[in-house]
């Protein structure tokens, strides 16, 4: 049984509309901190213990800068919003994150990886690359999010709780139409037993029969049923992202790509880079990716090298 304190943290995050992924991450770091302070109640600790905890993560466990920031955000939320004990100035400075260029595949490498996949698995990677989706955005797609007529995909509650639209490749329309029918068929089979797909927030209370609506069916439903993390009702969730990682790694190896680090996000990076190389406006790419700041999108201009804006090395201009 979870402790009353952990449950109070969970309730506070749900009251403030935090995503389930953020909730899970924050609770993880709060538990880690509680063990760090020898299972004392956090109210009996303070900024000194928090500072030592963050230093331990950096110096002993060598976590990434972003991981350290997430841990700090989790503890700051706990002390400020739940315990009403703001940490104030910790006298601690997070390490600066060094800017690194993303790993990007060539169009030929993308084709070679896709050639190693088929069916549902191939469609997932095609959506990551063809529409610039994050893997979680792809797996959460529902029937209602696909507009085959206008060649558009709507992303709901993306990173930063933002909605956006992105483009849909013409070549995927036939495959997606089949995936839509398969998703609807799975939902209707579940409906016979009074079960449906997992629904967001309080939608199931507001619309009790929404789980029978074809529009809410997942394109990539999970193979098994589970309990809804909020309501506790038996339902079918979407495919877990670990499934994608498991089938992607051997496909990359079979494609003979061994000198690049390839993960699900690599296809989103490749989408942006190839769009920019083909002459698409960087503002348009920013909108398609859902970036708040244009500087985030501009990182892809550095990946292009001499192909960006017609730049050429001065050495190539010498006459030998």
C-alpha atoms as a PDB file:
ATOM      1  CA  UNK A   1       0.000   0.000   0.000  1.00  0.00           C
ATOM      2  CA  UNK A   2       1.352   3.463  -0.898  1.00  0.00           C
ATOM      3  CA  UNK A   3       2.025   5.747   2.055  1.00  0.00           C
ATOM      4  CA  UNK A   4      -0.513   8.501   2.843  1.00  0.00           C
ATOM      5  CA  UNK A   5       2.156  11.087   2.003  1.00  0.00           C
ATOM      6  CA  UNK A   6       2.814   9.618  -1.450  1.00  0.00           C
ATOM      7  CA  UNK A   7      -0.936   9.512  -2.064  1.00  0.00           C
ATOM      8  CA  UNK A   8      -1.231  13.174  -1.064  1.00  0.00           C
ATOM      9  CA  UNK A   9       1.469  14.011  -3.631  1.00  0.00           C
ATOM     10  CA  UNK A  10      -0.394  12.032  -6.274  1.00  0.00           C
ATOM     11  CA  UNK A  11      -3.682  13.789  -5.520  1.00  0.00           C
ATOM     12  CA  UNK A  12      -2.036  17.218  -5.689  1.00  0.00           C
ATOM     13  CA  UNK A  13      -0.515  16.469  -9.114  1.00  0.00           C
ATOM     14  CA  UNK A  14      -3.822  15.208 -10.475  1.00  0.00           C
ATOM     15  CA  UNK A  15      -5.598  18.263  -9.072  1.00  0.00           C
ATOM     16  CA  UNK A  16      -3.152  20.453 -11.012  1.00  0.00           C
ATOM     17  CA  UNK A  17      -3.625  18.451 -14.220  1.00  0.00           C
ATOM     18  CA  UNK A  18      -0.162  16.927 -14.451  1.00  0.00           C
ATOM     19  CA  UNK A  19       0.211  14.138 -17.001  1.00  0.00           C
ATOM     20  CA  UNK A  20       0.431  10.539 -15.801  1.00  0.00           C
ATOM     21  CA  UNK A  21       3.966  10.329 -17.166  1.00  0.00           C
ATOM     22  CA  UNK A  22       5.021  13.385 -15.123  1.00  0.00           C
ATOM     23  CA  UNK A  23       3.239  11.973 -12.078  1.00  0.00           C
ATOM     24  CA  UNK A  24       5.130   8.694 -12.363  1.00  0.00           C
ATOM     25  CA  UNK A  25       8.469  10.466 -12.853  1.00  0.00           C
ATOM     26  CA  UNK A  26       7.989  12.889  -9.946  1.00  0.00           C
ATOM     27  CA  UNK A  27       6.947  10.105  -7.552  1.00  0.00           C
ATOM     28  CA  UNK A  28      10.019   8.122  -8.568  1.00  0.00           C
ATOM     29  CA  UNK A  29      12.367  10.958  -7.596  1.00  0.00           C
ATOM     30  CA  UNK A  30      10.495  11.653  -4.365  1.00  0.00           C
ATOM     31  CA  UNK A  31      10.901   8.027  -3.334  1.00  0.00           C
ATOM     32  CA  UNK A  32      14.595   8.153  -4.235  1.00  0.00           C
ATOM     33  CA  UNK A  33      14.998  11.259  -2.074  1.00  0.00           C
ATOM     34  CA  UNK A  34      13.179   9.679   0.874  1.00  0.00           C
ATOM     35  CA  UNK A  35      15.557   6.705   0.763  1.00  0.00           C
ATOM     36  CA  UNK A  36      18.487   9.124   0.488  1.00  0.00           C
ATOM     37  CA  UNK A  37      17.478  10.795   3.773  1.00  0.00           C
ATOM     38  CA  UNK A  38      17.182   7.385   5.491  1.00  0.00           C
ATOM     39  CA  UNK A  39      13.400   7.177   5.137  1.00  0.00           C
ATOM     40  CA  UNK A  40      12.758  10.288   7.187  1.00  0.00           C
ATOM     41  CA  UNK A  41       9.727  12.379   6.336  1.00  0.00           C
ATOM     42  CA  UNK A  42      10.717  15.121   3.832  1.00  0.00           C
ATOM     43  CA  UNK A  43       9.270  17.783   6.145  1.00  0.00           C
ATOM     44  CA  UNK A  44      12.127  16.980   8.536  1.00  0.00           C
ATOM     45  CA  UNK A  45      14.673  17.656   5.799  1.00  0.00           C
ATOM     46  CA  UNK A  46      15.297  20.781   3.757  1.00  0.00           C
ATOM     47  CA  UNK A  47      17.406  22.568   1.214  1.00  0.00           C
ATOM     48  CA  UNK A  48      20.702  21.179   2.576  1.00  0.00           C
ATOM     49  CA  UNK A  49      19.539  17.589   2.019  1.00  0.00           C
ATOM     50  CA  UNK A  50      18.141  18.474  -1.400  1.00  0.00           C
ATOM     51  CA  UNK A  51      21.443  20.074  -2.406  1.00  0.00           C
ATOM     52  CA  UNK A  52      23.398  17.009  -1.230  1.00  0.00           C
ATOM     53  CA  UNK A  53      20.993  14.722  -3.090  1.00  0.00           C
ATOM     54  CA  UNK A  54      21.454  16.614  -6.361  1.00  0.00           C
ATOM     55  CA  UNK A  55      25.220  16.625  -5.883  1.00  0.00           C
ATOM     56  CA  UNK A  56      25.141  12.873  -5.311  1.00  0.00           C
ATOM     57  CA  UNK A  57      23.245  12.367  -8.563  1.00  0.00           C
ATOM     58  CA  UNK A  58      25.822  14.376 -10.501  1.00  0.00           C
ATOM     59  CA  UNK A  59      29.032  13.235  -8.809  1.00  0.00           C
ATOM     60  CA  UNK A  60      28.313   9.639  -7.809  1.00  0.00           C
ATOM     61  CA  UNK A  61      25.676   8.463 -10.269  1.00  0.00           C
ATOM     62  CA  UNK A  62      26.804  10.673 -13.178  1.00  0.00           C
ATOM     63  CA  UNK A  63      23.248  11.367 -14.346  1.00  0.00           C
ATOM     64  CA  UNK A  64      22.587  13.630 -17.326  1.00  0.00           C
ATOM     65  CA  UNK A  65      21.908  17.325 -16.765  1.00  0.00           C
ATOM     66  CA  UNK A  66      18.280  16.956 -17.792  1.00  0.00           C
ATOM     67  CA  UNK A  67      17.813  14.106 -15.307  1.00  0.00           C
ATOM     68  CA  UNK A  68      19.209  16.302 -12.552  1.00  0.00           C
ATOM     69  CA  UNK A  69      16.784  19.075 -13.528  1.00  0.00           C
ATOM     70  CA  UNK A  70      13.802  16.723 -13.433  1.00  0.00           C
ATOM     71  CA  UNK A  71      14.801  15.540  -9.948  1.00  0.00           C
ATOM     72  CA  UNK A  72      15.072  19.170  -8.790  1.00  0.00           C
ATOM     73  CA  UNK A  73      11.667  20.030 -10.269  1.00  0.00           C
ATOM     74  CA  UNK A  74      10.093  17.034  -8.530  1.00  0.00           C
ATOM     75  CA  UNK A  75      11.493  17.993  -5.134  1.00  0.00           C
ATOM     76  CA  UNK A  76      10.708  21.690  -5.589  1.00  0.00           C
ATOM     77  CA  UNK A  77       7.086  20.764  -6.326  1.00  0.00           C
ATOM     78  CA  UNK A  78       6.904  18.588  -3.220  1.00  0.00           C
ATOM     79  CA  UNK A  79       8.308  21.226  -0.884  1.00  0.00           C
ATOM     80  CA  UNK A  80       6.583  24.251  -2.385  1.00  0.00           C
ATOM     81  CA  UNK A  81       3.139  22.922  -3.335  1.00  0.00           C
ATOM     82  CA  UNK A  82       2.559  20.120  -0.803  1.00  0.00           C
ATOM     83  CA  UNK A  83       4.679  20.792   2.275  1.00  0.00           C
ATOM     84  CA  UNK A  84       4.506  24.601   2.004  1.00  0.00           C
ATOM     85  CA  UNK A  85       8.243  24.770   2.696  1.00  0.00           C
ATOM     86  CA  UNK A  86       9.783  26.582  -0.306  1.00  0.00           C
ATOM     87  CA  UNK A  87      13.409  25.598  -0.758  1.00  0.00           C
ATOM     88  CA  UNK A  88      14.594  29.075  -1.652  1.00  0.00           C
ATOM     89  CA  UNK A  89      18.180  29.483  -2.833  1.00  0.00           C
ATOM     90  CA  UNK A  90      19.898  26.104  -2.653  1.00  0.00           C
ATOM     91  CA  UNK A  91      23.318  27.575  -3.298  1.00  0.00           C
ATOM     92  CA  UNK A  92      23.560  24.920  -5.956  1.00  0.00           C
ATOM     93  CA  UNK A  93      24.146  25.454  -9.644  1.00  0.00           C
ATOM     94  CA  UNK A  94      23.092  22.873 -12.161  1.00  0.00           C
ATOM     95  CA  UNK A  95      25.675  21.842 -14.711  1.00  0.00           C
ATOM     96  CA  UNK A  96      25.347  23.536 -18.079  1.00  0.00           C
ATOM     97  CA  UNK A  97      24.126  21.238 -20.789  1.00  0.00           C
ATOM     98  CA  UNK A  98      26.448  21.100 -23.758  1.00  0.00           C
ATOM     99  CA  UNK A  99      24.650  21.489 -27.045  1.00  0.00           C
ATOM    100  CA  UNK A 100      24.908  18.319 -29.084  1.00  0.00           C
ATOM    101  CA  UNK A 101      23.821  17.749 -32.656  1.00  0.00           C
ATOM    102  CA  UNK A 102      21.099  15.142 -33.138  1.00  0.00           C
ATOM    103  CA  UNK A 103      21.788  11.897 -34.936  1.00  0.00           C
ATOM    104  CA  UNK A 104      20.149  12.000 -38.366  1.00  0.00           C
ATOM    105  CA  UNK A 105      19.658   9.257 -40.932  1.00  0.00           C
ATOM    106  CA  UNK A 106      19.988   9.687 -44.678  1.00  0.00           C
ATOM    107  CA  UNK A 107      16.911   8.934 -46.820  1.00  0.00           C
ATOM    108  CA  UNK A 108      18.632   5.753 -47.996  1.00  0.00           C
ATOM    109  CA  UNK A 109      19.207   4.620 -44.390  1.00  0.00           C
ATOM    110  CA  UNK A 110      15.556   5.257 -43.544  1.00  0.00           C
ATOM    111  CA  UNK A 111      14.522   3.142 -46.552  1.00  0.00           C
ATOM    112  CA  UNK A 112      16.839   0.328 -45.492  1.00  0.00           C
ATOM    113  CA  UNK A 113      15.357   0.251 -41.977  1.00  0.00           C
ATOM    114  CA  UNK A 114      11.780   0.316 -43.292  1.00  0.00           C
ATOM    115  CA  UNK A 115      12.621  -2.586 -45.595  1.00  0.00           C
ATOM    116  CA  UNK A 116      13.306  -4.687 -42.488  1.00  0.00           C
ATOM    117  CA  UNK A 117       9.856  -4.026 -41.053  1.00  0.00           C
ATOM    118  CA  UNK A 118       6.316  -4.859 -42.029  1.00  0.00           C
ATOM    119  CA  UNK A 119       2.735  -4.387 -40.915  1.00  0.00           C
ATOM    120  CA  UNK A 120       2.081  -2.458 -37.719  1.00  0.00           C
ATOM    121  CA  UNK A 121       5.780  -2.050 -36.902  1.00  0.00           C
ATOM    122  CA  UNK A 122       6.583  -0.493 -40.260  1.00  0.00           C
ATOM    123  CA  UNK A 123       3.600   1.871 -40.031  1.00  0.00           C
ATOM    124  CA  UNK A 124       4.766   3.184 -36.644  1.00  0.00           C
ATOM    125  CA  UNK A 125       8.241   4.053 -37.947  1.00  0.00           C
ATOM    126  CA  UNK A 126       6.750   5.540 -41.132  1.00  0.00           C
ATOM    127  CA  UNK A 127       4.622   7.868 -38.984  1.00  0.00           C
ATOM    128  CA  UNK A 128       7.595   8.898 -36.847  1.00  0.00           C
ATOM    129  CA  UNK A 129       9.564   9.795 -39.964  1.00  0.00           C
ATOM    130  CA  UNK A 130       6.756  10.921 -42.272  1.00  0.00           C
ATOM    131  CA  UNK A 131       5.012  13.205 -39.767  1.00  0.00           C
ATOM    132  CA  UNK A 132       7.758  14.070 -37.283  1.00  0.00           C
ATOM    133  CA  UNK A 133       5.985  12.468 -34.326  1.00  0.00           C
ATOM    134  CA  UNK A 134       7.379  11.581 -30.943  1.00  0.00           C
ATOM    135  CA  UNK A 135       6.912   7.886 -30.214  1.00  0.00           C
ATOM    136  CA  UNK A 136       4.345   8.489 -27.463  1.00  0.00           C
ATOM    137  CA  UNK A 137       2.398  10.851 -29.734  1.00  0.00           C
ATOM    138  CA  UNK A 138       2.296   8.149 -32.379  1.00  0.00           C
ATOM    139  CA  UNK A 139       1.159   5.352 -30.082  1.00  0.00           C
ATOM    140  CA  UNK A 140      -1.602   7.489 -28.540  1.00  0.00           C
ATOM    141  CA  UNK A 141      -3.213   8.230 -31.900  1.00  0.00           C
ATOM    142  CA  UNK A 142      -6.931   7.515 -32.057  1.00  0.00           C
ATOM    143  CA  UNK A 143      -9.229   7.150 -35.043  1.00  0.00           C
ATOM    144  CA  UNK A 144     -10.541  10.699 -34.586  1.00  0.00           C
ATOM    145  CA  UNK A 145      -7.009  12.138 -34.900  1.00  0.00           C
ATOM    146  CA  UNK A 146      -6.534  11.001 -38.502  1.00  0.00           C
ATOM    147  CA  UNK A 147      -7.893  13.171 -41.319  1.00  0.00           C
ATOM    148  CA  UNK A 148      -7.321  11.194 -44.500  1.00  0.00           C
ATOM    149  CA  UNK A 149      -9.152  13.722 -46.691  1.00  0.00           C
ATOM    150  CA  UNK A 150      -6.975  16.664 -45.664  1.00  0.00           C
ATOM    151  CA  UNK A 151      -3.825  14.581 -45.159  1.00  0.00           C
ATOM    152  CA  UNK A 152      -3.457  15.784 -41.572  1.00  0.00           C
ATOM    153  CA  UNK A 153      -2.818  14.301 -38.127  1.00  0.00           C
ATOM    154  CA  UNK A 154      -3.927  16.042 -34.935  1.00  0.00           C
ATOM    155  CA  UNK A 155      -1.774  15.592 -31.855  1.00  0.00           C
ATOM    156  CA  UNK A 156      -3.597  16.099 -28.541  1.00  0.00           C
ATOM    157  CA  UNK A 157      -1.799  16.859 -25.276  1.00  0.00           C
ATOM    158  CA  UNK A 158       1.660  16.730 -26.791  1.00  0.00           C
ATOM    159  CA  UNK A 159       4.750  17.901 -24.955  1.00  0.00           C
ATOM    160  CA  UNK A 160       3.799  20.902 -22.827  1.00  0.00           C
ATOM    161  CA  UNK A 161       0.108  19.858 -23.000  1.00  0.00           C
ATOM    162  CA  UNK A 162      -0.168  21.423 -26.455  1.00  0.00           C
ATOM    163  CA  UNK A 163      -2.335  20.398 -29.398  1.00  0.00           C
ATOM    164  CA  UNK A 164      -1.028  20.718 -32.947  1.00  0.00           C
ATOM    165  CA  UNK A 165      -1.530  19.453 -36.465  1.00  0.00           C
ATOM    166  CA  UNK A 166       1.098  17.906 -38.671  1.00  0.00           C
ATOM    167  CA  UNK A 167       1.119  16.557 -42.193  1.00  0.00           C
ATOM    168  CA  UNK A 168       0.210  13.039 -43.273  1.00  0.00           C
ATOM    169  CA  UNK A 169       2.101  11.389 -46.133  1.00  0.00           C
ATOM    170  CA  UNK A 170      -0.052  10.388 -49.112  1.00  0.00           C
ATOM    171  CA  UNK A 171       1.653   7.001 -49.257  1.00  0.00           C
ATOM    172  CA  UNK A 172       0.333   6.113 -45.784  1.00  0.00           C
ATOM    173  CA  UNK A 173      -3.354   6.727 -46.458  1.00  0.00           C
ATOM    174  CA  UNK A 174      -4.167   3.177 -47.573  1.00  0.00           C
ATOM    175  CA  UNK A 175      -2.206   1.581 -44.712  1.00  0.00           C
ATOM    176  CA  UNK A 176      -3.731   3.947 -42.174  1.00  0.00           C
ATOM    177  CA  UNK A 177      -7.236   3.207 -43.437  1.00  0.00           C
ATOM    178  CA  UNK A 178      -6.562  -0.485 -42.725  1.00  0.00           C
ATOM    179  CA  UNK A 179      -5.141   0.334 -39.278  1.00  0.00           C
ATOM    180  CA  UNK A 180      -8.247   2.403 -38.499  1.00  0.00           C
ATOM    181  CA  UNK A 181     -10.518  -0.501 -39.376  1.00  0.00           C
ATOM    182  CA  UNK A 182      -8.412  -2.893 -37.295  1.00  0.00           C
ATOM    183  CA  UNK A 183      -8.530  -0.529 -34.296  1.00  0.00           C
ATOM    184  CA  UNK A 184     -12.295  -0.167 -34.568  1.00  0.00           C
ATOM    185  CA  UNK A 185     -12.697  -3.929 -34.902  1.00  0.00           C
ATOM    186  CA  UNK A 186     -10.664  -4.527 -31.734  1.00  0.00           C
ATOM    187  CA  UNK A 187     -12.717  -1.975 -29.809  1.00  0.00           C
ATOM    188  CA  UNK A 188     -16.013  -3.488 -30.930  1.00  0.00           C
ATOM    189  CA  UNK A 189     -14.827  -6.924 -29.822  1.00  0.00           C
ATOM    190  CA  UNK A 190     -13.987  -5.483 -26.399  1.00  0.00           C
ATOM    191  CA  UNK A 191     -17.351  -3.721 -26.245  1.00  0.00           C
ATOM    192  CA  UNK A 192     -19.117  -7.075 -26.340  1.00  0.00           C
ATOM    193  CA  UNK A 193     -17.629  -7.739 -22.893  1.00  0.00           C
ATOM    194  CA  UNK A 194     -18.431  -4.213 -21.706  1.00  0.00           C
ATOM    195  CA  UNK A 195     -14.809  -3.125 -22.045  1.00  0.00           C
ATOM    196  CA  UNK A 196     -13.395  -0.277 -24.097  1.00  0.00           C
ATOM    197  CA  UNK A 197     -10.297   1.803 -24.678  1.00  0.00           C
ATOM    198  CA  UNK A 198      -8.793   3.913 -21.910  1.00  0.00           C
ATOM    199  CA  UNK A 199     -10.240   7.424 -21.957  1.00  0.00           C
ATOM    200  CA  UNK A 200      -8.632  10.688 -20.818  1.00  0.00           C
ATOM    201  CA  UNK A 201      -9.469  12.441 -17.558  1.00  0.00           C
ATOM    202  CA  UNK A 202     -13.153  12.432 -16.579  1.00  0.00           C
ATOM    203  CA  UNK A 203     -14.488  11.766 -20.080  1.00  0.00           C
ATOM    204  CA  UNK A 204     -15.847   8.355 -19.079  1.00  0.00           C
ATOM    205  CA  UNK A 205     -18.011   9.994 -16.387  1.00  0.00           C
ATOM    206  CA  UNK A 206     -19.196  12.794 -18.630  1.00  0.00           C
ATOM    207  CA  UNK A 207     -19.931  10.463 -21.542  1.00  0.00           C
ATOM    208  CA  UNK A 208     -20.484   6.955 -20.108  1.00  0.00           C
ATOM    209  CA  UNK A 209     -20.855   5.388 -23.558  1.00  0.00           C
ATOM    210  CA  UNK A 210     -17.811   7.079 -25.122  1.00  0.00           C
ATOM    211  CA  UNK A 211     -15.859   3.814 -24.977  1.00  0.00           C
ATOM    212  CA  UNK A 212     -18.268   2.452 -27.592  1.00  0.00           C
ATOM    213  CA  UNK A 213     -17.603   5.319 -29.992  1.00  0.00           C
ATOM    214  CA  UNK A 214     -15.376   4.278 -32.896  1.00  0.00           C
ATOM    215  CA  UNK A 215     -13.667   7.686 -32.868  1.00  0.00           C
ATOM    216  CA  UNK A 216     -11.921   6.905 -29.564  1.00  0.00           C
ATOM    217  CA  UNK A 217     -10.409   3.612 -30.735  1.00  0.00           C
ATOM    218  CA  UNK A 218      -6.612   3.452 -30.656  1.00  0.00           C
ATOM    219  CA  UNK A 219      -4.733   2.896 -33.908  1.00  0.00           C
ATOM    220  CA  UNK A 220      -2.186   0.818 -32.019  1.00  0.00           C
ATOM    221  CA  UNK A 221      -4.068  -0.948 -29.208  1.00  0.00           C
ATOM    222  CA  UNK A 222      -2.195  -3.017 -26.648  1.00  0.00           C
ATOM    223  CA  UNK A 223      -2.434  -6.792 -26.933  1.00  0.00           C
ATOM    224  CA  UNK A 224      -3.680  -7.163 -23.341  1.00  0.00           C
ATOM    225  CA  UNK A 225      -6.148  -5.458 -21.030  1.00  0.00           C
ATOM    226  CA  UNK A 226      -5.139  -3.429 -17.977  1.00  0.00           C
ATOM    227  CA  UNK A 227      -6.598  -1.393 -15.117  1.00  0.00           C
ATOM    228  CA  UNK A 228      -6.955   2.312 -15.844  1.00  0.00           C
ATOM    229  CA  UNK A 229      -4.346   4.165 -13.706  1.00  0.00           C
ATOM    230  CA  UNK A 230      -6.921   6.734 -12.527  1.00  0.00           C
ATOM    231  CA  UNK A 231     -10.339   5.060 -12.508  1.00  0.00           C
ATOM    232  CA  UNK A 232      -9.180   1.493 -11.910  1.00  0.00           C
ATOM    233  CA  UNK A 233     -11.586   0.220 -14.586  1.00  0.00           C
ATOM    234  CA  UNK A 234     -10.542  -2.641 -16.846  1.00  0.00           C
ATOM    235  CA  UNK A 235      -9.716  -1.228 -20.279  1.00  0.00           C
ATOM    236  CA  UNK A 236      -7.423  -1.534 -23.284  1.00  0.00           C
ATOM    237  CA  UNK A 237      -4.610   0.999 -23.440  1.00  0.00           C
ATOM    238  CA  UNK A 238      -2.395   1.808 -26.401  1.00  0.00           C
ATOM    239  CA  UNK A 239       0.795  -0.070 -27.234  1.00  0.00           C
ATOM    240  CA  UNK A 240       3.679   0.618 -24.827  1.00  0.00           C
ATOM    241  CA  UNK A 241       6.698   2.444 -26.227  1.00  0.00           C
ATOM    242  CA  UNK A 242       9.057  -0.338 -25.108  1.00  0.00           C
ATOM    243  CA  UNK A 243       7.500  -2.523 -27.814  1.00  0.00           C
ATOM    244  CA  UNK A 244       8.766  -0.109 -30.480  1.00  0.00           C
ATOM    245  CA  UNK A 245      12.269  -0.010 -29.042  1.00  0.00           C
ATOM    246  CA  UNK A 246      12.423  -3.807 -29.004  1.00  0.00           C
ATOM    247  CA  UNK A 247      11.587  -4.253 -32.681  1.00  0.00           C
ATOM    248  CA  UNK A 248      13.549  -1.203 -33.862  1.00  0.00           C
ATOM    249  CA  UNK A 249      16.980  -2.247 -32.595  1.00  0.00           C
ATOM    250  CA  UNK A 250      17.253  -5.536 -34.558  1.00  0.00           C
ATOM    251  CA  UNK A 251      15.814  -3.824 -37.658  1.00  0.00           C
ATOM    252  CA  UNK A 252      18.590  -1.213 -37.529  1.00  0.00           C
ATOM    253  CA  UNK A 253      21.224  -3.934 -37.210  1.00  0.00           C
ATOM    254  CA  UNK A 254      19.751  -5.916 -40.117  1.00  0.00           C
ATOM    255  CA  UNK A 255      19.833  -2.729 -42.196  1.00  0.00           C
ATOM    256  CA  UNK A 256      23.590  -2.595 -41.628  1.00  0.00           C
ATOM    257  CA  UNK A 257      23.576   0.714 -39.751  1.00  0.00           C
ATOM    258  CA  UNK A 258      26.195   0.340 -37.048  1.00  0.00           C
ATOM    259  CA  UNK A 259      27.954   3.701 -36.948  1.00  0.00           C
ATOM    260  CA  UNK A 260      24.995   5.820 -35.852  1.00  0.00           C
ATOM    261  CA  UNK A 261      22.969   5.832 -32.697  1.00  0.00           C
ATOM    262  CA  UNK A 262      19.409   5.173 -33.852  1.00  0.00           C
ATOM    263  CA  UNK A 263      16.353   5.357 -31.601  1.00  0.00           C
ATOM    264  CA  UNK A 264      12.708   6.334 -32.053  1.00  0.00           C
ATOM    265  CA  UNK A 265      13.494  10.058 -31.819  1.00  0.00           C
ATOM    266  CA  UNK A 266      16.068   9.787 -34.603  1.00  0.00           C
ATOM    267  CA  UNK A 267      13.238   9.598 -37.134  1.00  0.00           C
ATOM    268  CA  UNK A 268      11.748  12.873 -35.848  1.00  0.00           C
ATOM    269  CA  UNK A 269      15.171  14.507 -36.208  1.00  0.00           C
ATOM    270  CA  UNK A 270      15.463  13.062 -39.717  1.00  0.00           C
ATOM    271  CA  UNK A 271      12.008  14.372 -40.637  1.00  0.00           C
ATOM    272  CA  UNK A 272      12.966  17.936 -39.676  1.00  0.00           C
ATOM    273  CA  UNK A 273      16.377  17.793 -41.342  1.00  0.00           C
ATOM    274  CA  UNK A 274      15.079  16.362 -44.615  1.00  0.00           C
ATOM    275  CA  UNK A 275      12.188  18.852 -44.696  1.00  0.00           C
ATOM    276  CA  UNK A 276      14.664  21.704 -44.266  1.00  0.00           C
ATOM    277  CA  UNK A 277      16.990  20.279 -46.921  1.00  0.00           C
ATOM    278  CA  UNK A 278      14.106  20.073 -49.395  1.00  0.00           C
ATOM    279  CA  UNK A 279      13.436  23.812 -49.018  1.00  0.00           C
ATOM    280  CA  UNK A 280      10.649  23.910 -46.422  1.00  0.00           C
ATOM    281  CA  UNK A 281      10.421  27.086 -44.370  1.00  0.00           C
ATOM    282  CA  UNK A 282      11.888  26.729 -40.889  1.00  0.00           C
ATOM    283  CA  UNK A 283       8.815  28.372 -39.350  1.00  0.00           C
ATOM    284  CA  UNK A 284       6.631  25.720 -40.933  1.00  0.00           C
ATOM    285  CA  UNK A 285       8.861  22.981 -39.536  1.00  0.00           C
ATOM    286  CA  UNK A 286       8.671  24.638 -36.115  1.00  0.00           C
ATOM    287  CA  UNK A 287       4.863  24.428 -36.232  1.00  0.00           C
ATOM    288  CA  UNK A 288       4.867  20.826 -37.433  1.00  0.00           C
ATOM    289  CA  UNK A 289       7.216  19.770 -34.644  1.00  0.00           C
ATOM    290  CA  UNK A 290       5.407  21.795 -31.984  1.00  0.00           C
ATOM    291  CA  UNK A 291       8.486  23.714 -30.802  1.00  0.00           C
ATOM    292  CA  UNK A 292       7.855  26.784 -28.654  1.00  0.00           C
ATOM    293  CA  UNK A 293      11.143  28.432 -29.536  1.00  0.00           C
ATOM    294  CA  UNK A 294      12.534  28.762 -33.050  1.00  0.00           C
ATOM    295  CA  UNK A 295      16.049  28.267 -31.661  1.00  0.00           C
ATOM    296  CA  UNK A 296      15.103  24.659 -30.877  1.00  0.00           C
ATOM    297  CA  UNK A 297      14.253  24.078 -34.527  1.00  0.00           C
ATOM    298  CA  UNK A 298      17.353  25.875 -35.760  1.00  0.00           C
ATOM    299  CA  UNK A 299      19.570  23.072 -34.484  1.00  0.00           C
ATOM    300  CA  UNK A 300      18.716  21.211 -37.693  1.00  0.00           C
ATOM    301  CA  UNK A 301      20.373  23.889 -39.810  1.00  0.00           C
ATOM    302  CA  UNK A 302      23.690  22.816 -38.278  1.00  0.00           C
ATOM    303  CA  UNK A 303      23.100  19.189 -39.239  1.00  0.00           C
ATOM    304  CA  UNK A 304      22.798  20.054 -42.931  1.00  0.00           C
ATOM    305  CA  UNK A 305      26.383  21.262 -43.323  1.00  0.00           C
ATOM    306  CA  UNK A 306      27.148  22.664 -46.774  1.00  0.00           C
ATOM    307  CA  UNK A 307      23.650  21.907 -48.043  1.00  0.00           C
ATOM    308  CA  UNK A 308      22.228  24.652 -45.847  1.00  0.00           C
ATOM    309  CA  UNK A 309      21.668  27.909 -47.741  1.00  0.00           C
ATOM    310  CA  UNK A 310      24.061  26.788 -50.470  1.00  0.00           C
ATOM    311  CA  UNK A 311      27.110  27.087 -48.225  1.00  0.00           C
ATOM    312  CA  UNK A 312      30.328  25.547 -49.486  1.00  0.00           C
ATOM    313  CA  UNK A 313      33.758  24.973 -47.992  1.00  0.00           C
ATOM    314  CA  UNK A 314      36.332  27.469 -49.353  1.00  0.00           C
ATOM    315  CA  UNK A 315      38.612  24.518 -50.087  1.00  0.00           C
ATOM    316  CA  UNK A 316      36.122  23.275 -52.706  1.00  0.00           C
ATOM    317  CA  UNK A 317      36.376  26.636 -54.468  1.00  0.00           C
ATOM    318  CA  UNK A 318      40.132  26.426 -55.012  1.00  0.00           C
ATOM    319  CA  UNK A 319      41.421  25.515 -58.435  1.00  0.00           C
ATOM    320  CA  UNK A 320      43.822  22.621 -58.209  1.00  0.00           C
END
